[in-house]
Every structure is written in structure tokens, then in C-alpha cells.
Amino acid sequence: MCVAGGLAEARSKADRLAERAAKVVANTLAEAPVPNEICFSPSGPCEVKLVKFIRSAKKSVDVAVFDINLPSVVDALIEISSRIPVRVLVDRRNSKNTHSGVPKLLRAGVKVRYGRQKGIMHHKFVLVDGGRMETGSFNFTNGAANKNQENQIYLEEAKLVTPFVRQFEKMWTESLP
């Protein structure tokens, strides 16, 4: 029984390792998103696509998101903020959670503001260069990337993106540093 139990545990560990390796390979091969592309998590590489989208920015990145704790997204925002303006608008209460990536963004000098509204700042969108965007139900969290049923869509039609640009500017102006 001990040997059988040990073999089963070893197989289980090997299966988990193989699963992680397959995910790393799939993420490495995932391409940057294209206009009108949709991604569903947890089955799709939504986290990787979002990071590649952020890194594709040439002029600016504006983020409005309820929750952010994905290290890859936080690191991509910090990395690109050394080259171009990055503004991140978050929900004040949620940013105080122990898992939040907001303190790391602040320590790195990223411009962060807190939504000022009656309820919560529940948006989830990224504007790149003022003309392309990602939006959907996908919070930038481990749960969204690996467990929850979430969605993203990438858009660049001006008639769809421009209202989000205006909304971001309005919220940024009204928000608290």
C-alpha cells in the first residue's frame, strides 16, 4: 500500500508539472491580440494577451480596473512606465486588500488614482495609445486568469474606443491621488 500510494502521489505531481509546462509553452506561443479578438479564461491565454497588449504601447497606457494582483500585469505596467506615461485608476477599498498590486505600482512611481464615486470603481479596461482598448469581465487577478469564467475583447474602432477615452479622462480628473 505504501508503494502504491507513493506511486500515485508521484504520478499526481508529474501530472501537475506536465500541466504547468504545457501552460508555459502555450503562453509562450500565444500571440499579441488583434482587433476584435476575444479571449475566454481560464481556458485561453488572457493574461499573456493582456501583457503583450500593454507592452505594445508606444505613447501611453491608461488602465481602469477594479482589482489588480497579477504579477505579470503589474510588472508590465511598471516596465513600460519607464518609457511612456502610464495611469492606473482603481477602486480605493479594493486596492487596500493584502493581495493588491497597487502598493507595488505606487512604490515604482506609476501614477495611480482612486475612483471617486458612490459605489465601487468596477470598470475593467485598458487604453493603449488612446486608440486601442481591452475590456470585458476580466479583472487583472490570479482568479480571473486561472479559475473564473471571464472574457476580454480587443477593439480599435474609434466609435467604440473614443467613449472609453472620454470616460477615463473624466474619471481621472474627478479621482483622488
C-alpha atoms as a PDB file:
ATOM      1  CA  MET A   1       0.000   0.000   0.000  1.00  0.00           C
ATOM      2  CA  CYS A   2       2.787   2.454   0.816  1.00  0.00           C
ATOM      3  CA  VAL A   3       4.490   1.854  -2.513  1.00  0.00           C
ATOM      4  CA  ALA A   4       1.194   2.206  -4.402  1.00  0.00           C
ATOM      5  CA  GLY A   5       0.366   5.392  -2.510  1.00  0.00           C
ATOM      6  CA  GLY A   6       3.823   6.777  -3.263  1.00  0.00           C
ATOM      7  CA  LEU A   7       3.467   5.972  -6.959  1.00  0.00           C
ATOM      8  CA  ALA A   8       0.055   7.635  -7.126  1.00  0.00           C
ATOM      9  CA  GLU A   9       1.450  10.747  -5.424  1.00  0.00           C
ATOM     10  CA  ALA A  10       4.422  10.809  -7.817  1.00  0.00           C
ATOM     11  CA  ARG A  11       2.071  10.471 -10.819  1.00  0.00           C
ATOM     12  CA  SER A  12      -0.082  13.271  -9.459  1.00  0.00           C
ATOM     13  CA  LYS A  13       2.962  15.546  -9.081  1.00  0.00           C
ATOM     14  CA  ALA A  14       4.164  14.602 -12.557  1.00  0.00           C
ATOM     15  CA  ASP A  15       0.722  15.356 -13.997  1.00  0.00           C
ATOM     16  CA  ARG A  16       0.670  18.793 -12.313  1.00  0.00           C
ATOM     17  CA  LEU A  17       4.200  19.518 -13.551  1.00  0.00           C
ATOM     18  CA  ALA A  18       3.269  18.471 -17.094  1.00  0.00           C
ATOM     19  CA  GLU A  19       0.158  20.655 -16.928  1.00  0.00           C
ATOM     20  CA  ARG A  20       2.225  23.663 -15.824  1.00  0.00           C
ATOM     21  CA  ALA A  21       4.813  23.010 -18.533  1.00  0.00           C
ATOM     22  CA  ALA A  22       2.089  22.814 -21.181  1.00  0.00           C
ATOM     23  CA  LYS A  23       0.679  26.137 -19.969  1.00  0.00           C
ATOM     24  CA  VAL A  24       4.126  27.782 -20.128  1.00  0.00           C
ATOM     25  CA  VAL A  25       4.588  26.563 -23.698  1.00  0.00           C
ATOM     26  CA  ALA A  26       1.094  27.697 -24.713  1.00  0.00           C
ATOM     27  CA  ASN A  27       1.655  31.117 -23.120  1.00  0.00           C
ATOM     28  CA  THR A  28       4.996  31.495 -24.856  1.00  0.00           C
ATOM     29  CA  LEU A  29       3.405  30.717 -28.212  1.00  0.00           C
ATOM     30  CA  ALA A  30       0.381  32.969 -27.609  1.00  0.00           C
ATOM     31  CA  GLU A  31       0.366  35.895 -29.985  1.00  0.00           C
ATOM     32  CA  ALA A  32      -0.416  39.503 -29.169  1.00  0.00           C
ATOM     33  CA  PRO A  33      -4.121  40.224 -29.560  1.00  0.00           C
ATOM     34  CA  VAL A  34      -5.507  41.571 -32.817  1.00  0.00           C
ATOM     35  CA  PRO A  35      -8.513  43.903 -33.247  1.00  0.00           C
ATOM     36  CA  ASN A  36     -11.854  42.269 -32.448  1.00  0.00           C
ATOM     37  CA  GLU A  37     -10.147  39.283 -30.848  1.00  0.00           C
ATOM     38  CA  ILE A  38     -11.950  37.673 -27.930  1.00  0.00           C
ATOM     39  CA  CYS A  39     -10.306  35.646 -25.181  1.00  0.00           C
ATOM     40  CA  PHE A  40     -12.040  33.476 -22.588  1.00  0.00           C
ATOM     41  CA  SER A  41     -10.405  32.434 -19.359  1.00  0.00           C
ATOM     42  CA  PRO A  42      -9.396  30.244 -17.782  1.00  0.00           C
ATOM     43  CA  SER A  43      -9.047  28.173 -20.982  1.00  0.00           C
ATOM     44  CA  GLY A  44      -7.459  30.949 -23.082  1.00  0.00           C
ATOM     45  CA  PRO A  45      -4.177  32.811 -22.566  1.00  0.00           C
ATOM     46  CA  CYS A  46      -5.940  36.026 -21.475  1.00  0.00           C
ATOM     47  CA  GLU A  47      -3.225  37.064 -19.014  1.00  0.00           C
ATOM     48  CA  VAL A  48      -0.497  36.688 -21.642  1.00  0.00           C
ATOM     49  CA  LYS A  49      -2.501  38.553 -24.282  1.00  0.00           C
ATOM     50  CA  LEU A  50      -3.110  41.419 -21.864  1.00  0.00           C
ATOM     51  CA  VAL A  51       0.603  41.676 -21.018  1.00  0.00           C
ATOM     52  CA  LYS A  52       1.533  41.654 -24.718  1.00  0.00           C
ATOM     53  CA  PHE A  53      -1.129  44.291 -25.382  1.00  0.00           C
ATOM     54  CA  ILE A  54       0.277  46.566 -22.658  1.00  0.00           C
ATOM     55  CA  ARG A  55       3.827  46.065 -23.917  1.00  0.00           C
ATOM     56  CA  SER A  56       2.737  47.011 -27.458  1.00  0.00           C
ATOM     57  CA  ALA A  57       2.060  50.614 -26.355  1.00  0.00           C
ATOM     58  CA  LYS A  58       4.160  53.325 -27.989  1.00  0.00           C
ATOM     59  CA  LYS A  59       2.668  56.529 -26.488  1.00  0.00           C
ATOM     60  CA  SER A  60       0.538  55.805 -23.411  1.00  0.00           C
ATOM     61  CA  VAL A  61      -1.321  53.269 -21.289  1.00  0.00           C
ATOM     62  CA  ASP A  62      -4.441  54.126 -19.272  1.00  0.00           C
ATOM     63  CA  VAL A  63      -5.980  51.473 -17.028  1.00  0.00           C
ATOM     64  CA  ALA A  64      -9.291  51.458 -15.170  1.00  0.00           C
ATOM     65  CA  VAL A  65      -9.628  48.256 -13.178  1.00  0.00           C
ATOM     66  CA  PHE A  66     -11.433  47.124 -10.052  1.00  0.00           C
ATOM     67  CA  ASP A  67      -8.831  44.583  -8.919  1.00  0.00           C
ATOM     68  CA  ILE A  68      -5.208  44.040  -9.891  1.00  0.00           C
ATOM     69  CA  ASN A  69      -2.903  41.409  -8.445  1.00  0.00           C
ATOM     70  CA  LEU A  70      -1.455  39.554 -11.437  1.00  0.00           C
ATOM     71  CA  PRO A  71       2.320  39.979 -11.068  1.00  0.00           C
ATOM     72  CA  SER A  72       2.842  39.820 -14.843  1.00  0.00           C
ATOM     73  CA  VAL A  73       0.414  42.705 -15.453  1.00  0.00           C
ATOM     74  CA  VAL A  74       1.761  44.799 -12.566  1.00  0.00           C
ATOM     75  CA  ASP A  75       5.318  44.216 -13.805  1.00  0.00           C
ATOM     76  CA  ALA A  76       4.382  45.075 -17.420  1.00  0.00           C
ATOM     77  CA  LEU A  77       2.855  48.371 -16.270  1.00  0.00           C
ATOM     78  CA  ILE A  78       5.928  49.201 -14.193  1.00  0.00           C
ATOM     79  CA  GLU A  79       8.276  48.247 -17.029  1.00  0.00           C
ATOM     80  CA  ILE A  80       6.517  50.351 -19.654  1.00  0.00           C
ATOM     81  CA  SER A  81       6.081  53.315 -17.277  1.00  0.00           C
ATOM     82  CA  SER A  82       9.809  53.959 -17.580  1.00  0.00           C
ATOM     83  CA  ARG A  83       9.290  54.776 -21.287  1.00  0.00           C
ATOM     84  CA  ILE A  84       5.791  56.222 -21.661  1.00  0.00           C
ATOM     85  CA  PRO A  85       3.052  57.720 -19.460  1.00  0.00           C
ATOM     86  CA  VAL A  86       1.028  55.118 -17.546  1.00  0.00           C
ATOM     87  CA  ARG A  87      -2.045  55.994 -15.494  1.00  0.00           C
ATOM     88  CA  VAL A  88      -3.916  53.461 -13.377  1.00  0.00           C
ATOM     89  CA  LEU A  89      -7.340  54.130 -11.873  1.00  0.00           C
ATOM     90  CA  VAL A  90      -8.500  51.647  -9.224  1.00  0.00           C
ATOM     91  CA  ASP A  91     -11.173  51.132  -6.608  1.00  0.00           C
ATOM     92  CA  ARG A  92      -9.938  52.610  -3.310  1.00  0.00           C
ATOM     93  CA  ARG A  93     -11.377  49.958  -0.998  1.00  0.00           C
ATOM     94  CA  ASN A  94     -10.265  47.047  -3.135  1.00  0.00           C
ATOM     95  CA  SER A  95      -6.751  48.469  -3.520  1.00  0.00           C
ATOM     96  CA  LYS A  96      -6.285  48.170   0.250  1.00  0.00           C
ATOM     97  CA  ASN A  97      -6.611  44.354   0.168  1.00  0.00           C
ATOM     98  CA  THR A  98      -3.467  42.447   1.094  1.00  0.00           C
ATOM     99  CA  HIS A  99      -3.310  40.834  -2.355  1.00  0.00           C
ATOM    100  CA  SER A 100      -3.472  44.116  -4.292  1.00  0.00           C
ATOM    101  CA  GLY A 101      -0.705  45.050  -6.727  1.00  0.00           C
ATOM    102  CA  VAL A 102      -1.379  48.773  -6.141  1.00  0.00           C
ATOM    103  CA  PRO A 103       1.324  49.242  -3.455  1.00  0.00           C
ATOM    104  CA  LYS A 104       3.945  47.837  -5.843  1.00  0.00           C
ATOM    105  CA  LEU A 105       2.777  50.178  -8.616  1.00  0.00           C
ATOM    106  CA  LEU A 106       3.000  53.153  -6.236  1.00  0.00           C
ATOM    107  CA  ARG A 107       6.471  52.176  -4.996  1.00  0.00           C
ATOM    108  CA  ALA A 108       7.609  52.026  -8.643  1.00  0.00           C
ATOM    109  CA  GLY A 109       6.321  55.548  -9.293  1.00  0.00           C
ATOM    110  CA  VAL A 110       3.377  54.612 -11.525  1.00  0.00           C
ATOM    111  CA  LYS A 111       0.636  57.256 -11.445  1.00  0.00           C
ATOM    112  CA  VAL A 112      -2.256  55.707  -9.529  1.00  0.00           C
ATOM    113  CA  ARG A 113      -5.541  57.325  -8.585  1.00  0.00           C
ATOM    114  CA  TYR A 114      -8.605  56.088  -6.758  1.00  0.00           C
ATOM    115  CA  GLY A 115     -12.101  56.218  -8.218  1.00  0.00           C
ATOM    116  CA  ARG A 116     -14.393  58.731  -6.588  1.00  0.00           C
ATOM    117  CA  GLN A 117     -17.983  57.556  -6.801  1.00  0.00           C
ATOM    118  CA  LYS A 118     -20.817  56.401  -4.559  1.00  0.00           C
ATOM    119  CA  GLY A 119     -20.320  52.686  -5.172  1.00  0.00           C
ATOM    120  CA  ILE A 120     -17.267  50.846  -6.430  1.00  0.00           C
ATOM    121  CA  MET A 121     -14.999  51.654  -9.385  1.00  0.00           C
ATOM    122  CA  HIS A 122     -15.843  48.446 -11.227  1.00  0.00           C
ATOM    123  CA  HIS A 123     -14.507  49.169 -14.723  1.00  0.00           C
ATOM    124  CA  LYS A 124     -12.097  46.775 -16.392  1.00  0.00           C
ATOM    125  CA  PHE A 125     -10.446  48.339 -19.424  1.00  0.00           C
ATOM    126  CA  VAL A 126      -7.038  49.270 -20.790  1.00  0.00           C
ATOM    127  CA  LEU A 127      -6.444  52.004 -23.345  1.00  0.00           C
ATOM    128  CA  VAL A 128      -3.244  51.795 -25.373  1.00  0.00           C
ATOM    129  CA  ASP A 129      -2.046  54.842 -27.296  1.00  0.00           C
ATOM    130  CA  GLY A 130      -5.525  56.385 -26.994  1.00  0.00           C
ATOM    131  CA  GLY A 131      -6.813  54.334 -29.908  1.00  0.00           C
ATOM    132  CA  ARG A 132      -6.875  50.656 -28.909  1.00  0.00           C
ATOM    133  CA  MET A 133      -8.505  49.003 -25.943  1.00  0.00           C
ATOM    134  CA  GLU A 134      -9.094  45.813 -23.993  1.00  0.00           C
ATOM    135  CA  THR A 135     -12.283  45.404 -21.992  1.00  0.00           C
ATOM    136  CA  GLY A 136     -14.529  42.687 -20.598  1.00  0.00           C
ATOM    137  CA  SER A 137     -15.209  40.990 -17.293  1.00  0.00           C
ATOM    138  CA  PHE A 138     -11.532  40.090 -16.777  1.00  0.00           C
ATOM    139  CA  ASN A 139     -10.107  41.641 -13.603  1.00  0.00           C
ATOM    140  CA  PHE A 140      -6.336  41.527 -13.540  1.00  0.00           C
ATOM    141  CA  THR A 141      -6.238  38.802 -10.896  1.00  0.00           C
ATOM    142  CA  ASN A 142      -4.989  35.266 -10.424  1.00  0.00           C
ATOM    143  CA  GLY A 143      -8.600  34.128 -10.049  1.00  0.00           C
ATOM    144  CA  ALA A 144      -9.625  35.673 -13.369  1.00  0.00           C
ATOM    145  CA  ALA A 145      -6.629  34.205 -15.177  1.00  0.00           C
ATOM    146  CA  ASN A 146      -6.699  30.712 -13.673  1.00  0.00           C
ATOM    147  CA  LYS A 147     -10.123  29.892 -12.194  1.00  0.00           C
ATOM    148  CA  ASN A 148     -13.021  32.174 -13.110  1.00  0.00           C
ATOM    149  CA  GLN A 149     -15.083  32.219 -16.290  1.00  0.00           C
ATOM    150  CA  GLU A 150     -14.064  35.612 -17.702  1.00  0.00           C
ATOM    151  CA  ASN A 151     -13.830  37.372 -21.054  1.00  0.00           C
ATOM    152  CA  GLN A 152     -11.814  40.014 -22.890  1.00  0.00           C
ATOM    153  CA  ILE A 153     -12.270  41.745 -26.211  1.00  0.00           C
ATOM    154  CA  TYR A 154      -9.697  43.883 -28.008  1.00  0.00           C
ATOM    155  CA  LEU A 155     -11.020  46.822 -30.029  1.00  0.00           C
ATOM    156  CA  GLU A 156      -9.665  49.675 -32.119  1.00  0.00           C
ATOM    157  CA  GLU A 157     -12.729  51.128 -33.848  1.00  0.00           C
ATOM    158  CA  ALA A 158     -12.801  54.818 -32.945  1.00  0.00           C
ATOM    159  CA  LYS A 159     -16.572  54.834 -32.423  1.00  0.00           C
ATOM    160  CA  LEU A 160     -16.112  52.194 -29.698  1.00  0.00           C
ATOM    161  CA  VAL A 161     -12.810  53.328 -28.165  1.00  0.00           C
ATOM    162  CA  THR A 162     -13.398  57.105 -28.036  1.00  0.00           C
ATOM    163  CA  PRO A 163     -16.210  56.945 -25.432  1.00  0.00           C
ATOM    164  CA  PHE A 164     -13.879  54.945 -23.166  1.00  0.00           C
ATOM    165  CA  VAL A 165     -11.121  57.528 -23.648  1.00  0.00           C
ATOM    166  CA  ARG A 166     -13.559  60.287 -22.643  1.00  0.00           C
ATOM    167  CA  GLN A 167     -14.819  58.275 -19.671  1.00  0.00           C
ATOM    168  CA  PHE A 168     -11.278  57.592 -18.477  1.00  0.00           C
ATOM    169  CA  GLU A 169     -10.342  61.282 -18.712  1.00  0.00           C
ATOM    170  CA  LYS A 170     -13.489  62.235 -16.775  1.00  0.00           C
ATOM    171  CA  MET A 171     -12.806  59.669 -14.052  1.00  0.00           C
ATOM    172  CA  TRP A 172      -9.108  60.597 -13.867  1.00  0.00           C
ATOM    173  CA  THR A 173      -9.978  64.279 -13.451  1.00  0.00           C
ATOM    174  CA  GLU A 174     -12.523  63.509 -10.728  1.00  0.00           C
ATOM    175  CA  SER A 175     -10.422  60.870  -8.944  1.00  0.00           C
ATOM    176  CA  LEU A 176      -8.238  61.159  -5.859  1.00  0.00           C
ATOM    177  CA  PRO A 177      -4.461  60.752  -5.900  1.00  0.00           C
END
